[in-house]
Amino acid sequence: MAGIWKDIEIDWKDETYTIKPTLDFINHLESGSGRSLSNLLIRLSDRDMPSAISCELIAKTLNYAGLKSVTPEDVFMETNGGMSADSVNLSATILMACLPQAKDQPLAPASKKKRPAKK
């Protein structure tokens, strides 16, 4: 199943962390009431993503990358209350990366039409 998700890159305190979304990662993000991907995507598309949930999403992603000590409060402080464009964009990037990418569709074979016979 290689290649159905895009990697997520997060810069945190002068380090870059790369996370490959997997079903385990998605389950990690969805832990908690009201935290399903579909619910979060709807809130994001409705521009109704609370900064606390955005900070929690970023912290969970950093925790999954191995930074177990990062809390939503840390993210909140680093992102000006979760309201910076960077935190909103990062939340969107994380959520969109969890959606499978469309497979490249092979071209349909050319149809073989019969040509009218020459007279």
Protein backbone atom coordinates (compact mmCIF):
# COMPACT_ATOMS: atom_id res chain seq x y z
CA MET A 1 0.00 0.00 0.00
CA ALA A 2 2.93 2.29 -0.54
CA GLY A 3 2.19 5.72 -1.82
CA ILE A 4 -1.43 6.23 -0.79
CA TRP A 5 -0.59 8.93 1.77
CA LYS A 6 1.65 11.96 1.56
CA ASP A 7 4.33 12.44 4.21
CA ILE A 8 3.86 15.27 6.70
CA GLU A 9 6.80 17.53 7.52
CA ILE A 10 6.72 19.62 10.67
CA ASP A 11 9.36 22.13 11.71
CA TRP A 12 9.49 22.29 15.50
CA LYS A 13 12.18 24.13 17.45
CA ASP A 14 14.67 24.18 14.55
CA GLU A 15 14.19 20.48 13.74
CA THR A 16 12.20 18.94 10.92
CA TYR A 17 10.13 15.84 11.61
CA THR A 18 8.64 13.65 8.90
CA ILE A 19 5.62 11.52 9.61
CA LYS A 20 4.15 9.00 7.19
CA PRO A 21 0.43 8.69 7.80
CA THR A 22 -0.65 5.12 8.50
CA LEU A 23 -3.80 3.61 9.93
CA ASP A 24 -2.05 3.57 13.32
CA PHE A 25 -1.31 7.30 12.99
CA ILE A 26 -4.92 8.04 12.00
CA ASN A 27 -6.19 6.04 15.01
CA HIS A 28 -3.79 8.07 17.19
CA LEU A 29 -5.27 11.34 15.88
CA GLU A 30 -8.85 10.13 16.21
CA SER A 31 -8.53 9.18 19.88
CA GLY A 32 -10.93 11.34 21.82
CA SER A 33 -14.56 12.28 21.51
CA GLY A 34 -15.46 14.20 18.34
CA ARG A 35 -12.03 13.67 16.81
CA SER A 36 -12.87 11.57 13.76
CA LEU A 37 -11.14 12.61 10.55
CA SER A 38 -14.48 13.36 8.93
CA ASN A 39 -15.56 15.54 11.85
CA LEU A 40 -12.25 17.44 11.84
CA LEU A 41 -12.33 17.89 8.06
CA ILE A 42 -15.87 19.25 8.21
CA ARG A 43 -14.88 21.72 10.92
CA LEU A 44 -11.83 22.74 8.90
CA SER A 45 -13.87 23.25 5.72
CA ASP A 46 -16.48 25.23 7.67
CA ARG A 47 -13.67 27.37 9.11
CA ASP A 48 -14.82 26.25 12.54
CA MET A 49 -11.62 24.58 13.78
CA PRO A 50 -11.04 25.75 17.36
CA SER A 51 -7.45 26.70 18.09
CA ALA A 52 -7.33 24.22 20.99
CA ILE A 53 -8.22 21.32 18.68
CA SER A 54 -5.72 22.54 16.10
CA CYS A 55 -2.99 22.67 18.77
CA GLU A 56 -4.00 19.21 20.01
CA LEU A 57 -3.78 17.83 16.47
CA ILE A 58 -0.29 19.28 15.98
CA ALA A 59 0.87 18.03 19.41
CA LYS A 60 -0.45 14.52 18.71
CA THR A 61 1.41 14.50 15.39
CA LEU A 62 4.65 15.59 17.08
CA ASN A 63 4.12 12.96 19.78
CA TYR A 64 3.71 10.32 17.10
CA ALA A 65 6.98 11.53 15.56
CA GLY A 66 8.72 10.77 18.86
CA LEU A 67 8.48 14.05 20.78
CA LYS A 68 6.51 12.65 23.71
CA SER A 69 6.92 15.78 25.84
CA VAL A 70 5.11 18.19 23.46
CA THR A 71 1.70 19.18 24.81
CA PRO A 72 -1.14 21.11 23.16
CA GLU A 73 -0.27 23.94 25.54
CA ASP A 74 3.30 24.01 24.14
CA VAL A 75 1.93 24.29 20.62
CA PHE A 76 -0.53 26.96 21.79
CA MET A 77 2.34 29.07 23.18
CA GLU A 78 4.54 28.58 20.09
CA THR A 79 1.77 29.49 17.63
CA ASN A 80 0.37 32.64 19.25
CA GLY A 81 -2.64 30.89 20.67
CA GLY A 82 -3.05 28.56 17.73
CA MET A 83 -4.23 31.47 15.62
CA SER A 84 -1.19 31.91 13.41
CA ALA A 85 -1.53 31.06 9.73
CA ASP A 86 1.19 28.45 10.22
CA SER A 87 -0.85 26.48 12.77
CA VAL A 88 -4.02 26.64 10.68
CA ASN A 89 -2.13 25.55 7.55
CA LEU A 90 -0.33 22.79 9.45
CA SER A 91 -3.62 21.44 10.81
CA ALA A 92 -5.03 21.40 7.29
CA THR A 93 -1.87 19.71 5.97
CA ILE A 94 -2.04 17.01 8.64
CA LEU A 95 -5.70 16.27 7.96
CA MET A 96 -5.35 16.30 4.18
CA ALA A 97 -2.32 14.01 4.36
CA CYS A 98 -4.50 11.41 6.09
CA LEU A 99 -6.75 11.14 3.06
CA PRO A 100 -5.64 8.56 0.52
CA GLN A 101 -4.35 9.98 -2.71
CA ALA A 102 -6.18 9.07 -5.90
CA LYS A 103 -4.56 6.28 -7.82
CA ASP A 104 -3.18 7.21 -11.20
CA GLN A 105 -5.76 5.95 -13.59
CA PRO A 106 -4.28 4.17 -16.59
CA LEU A 107 -5.52 5.35 -19.92
CA ALA A 108 -8.31 3.26 -21.31
CA PRO A 109 -7.26 1.32 -24.36
CA ALA A 110 -8.20 2.96 -27.61
CA SER A 111 -11.37 1.52 -29.00
CA LYS A 112 -11.00 -0.34 -32.23
CA LYS A 113 -13.62 1.02 -34.52
CA LYS A 114 -14.32 -0.72 -37.73
CA ARG A 115 -13.65 1.41 -40.71
CA PRO A 116 -16.10 1.24 -43.52
CA ALA A 117 -14.88 -1.04 -46.29
CA LYS A 118 -13.49 0.70 -49.37
CA LYS A 119 -15.52 0.25 -52.51
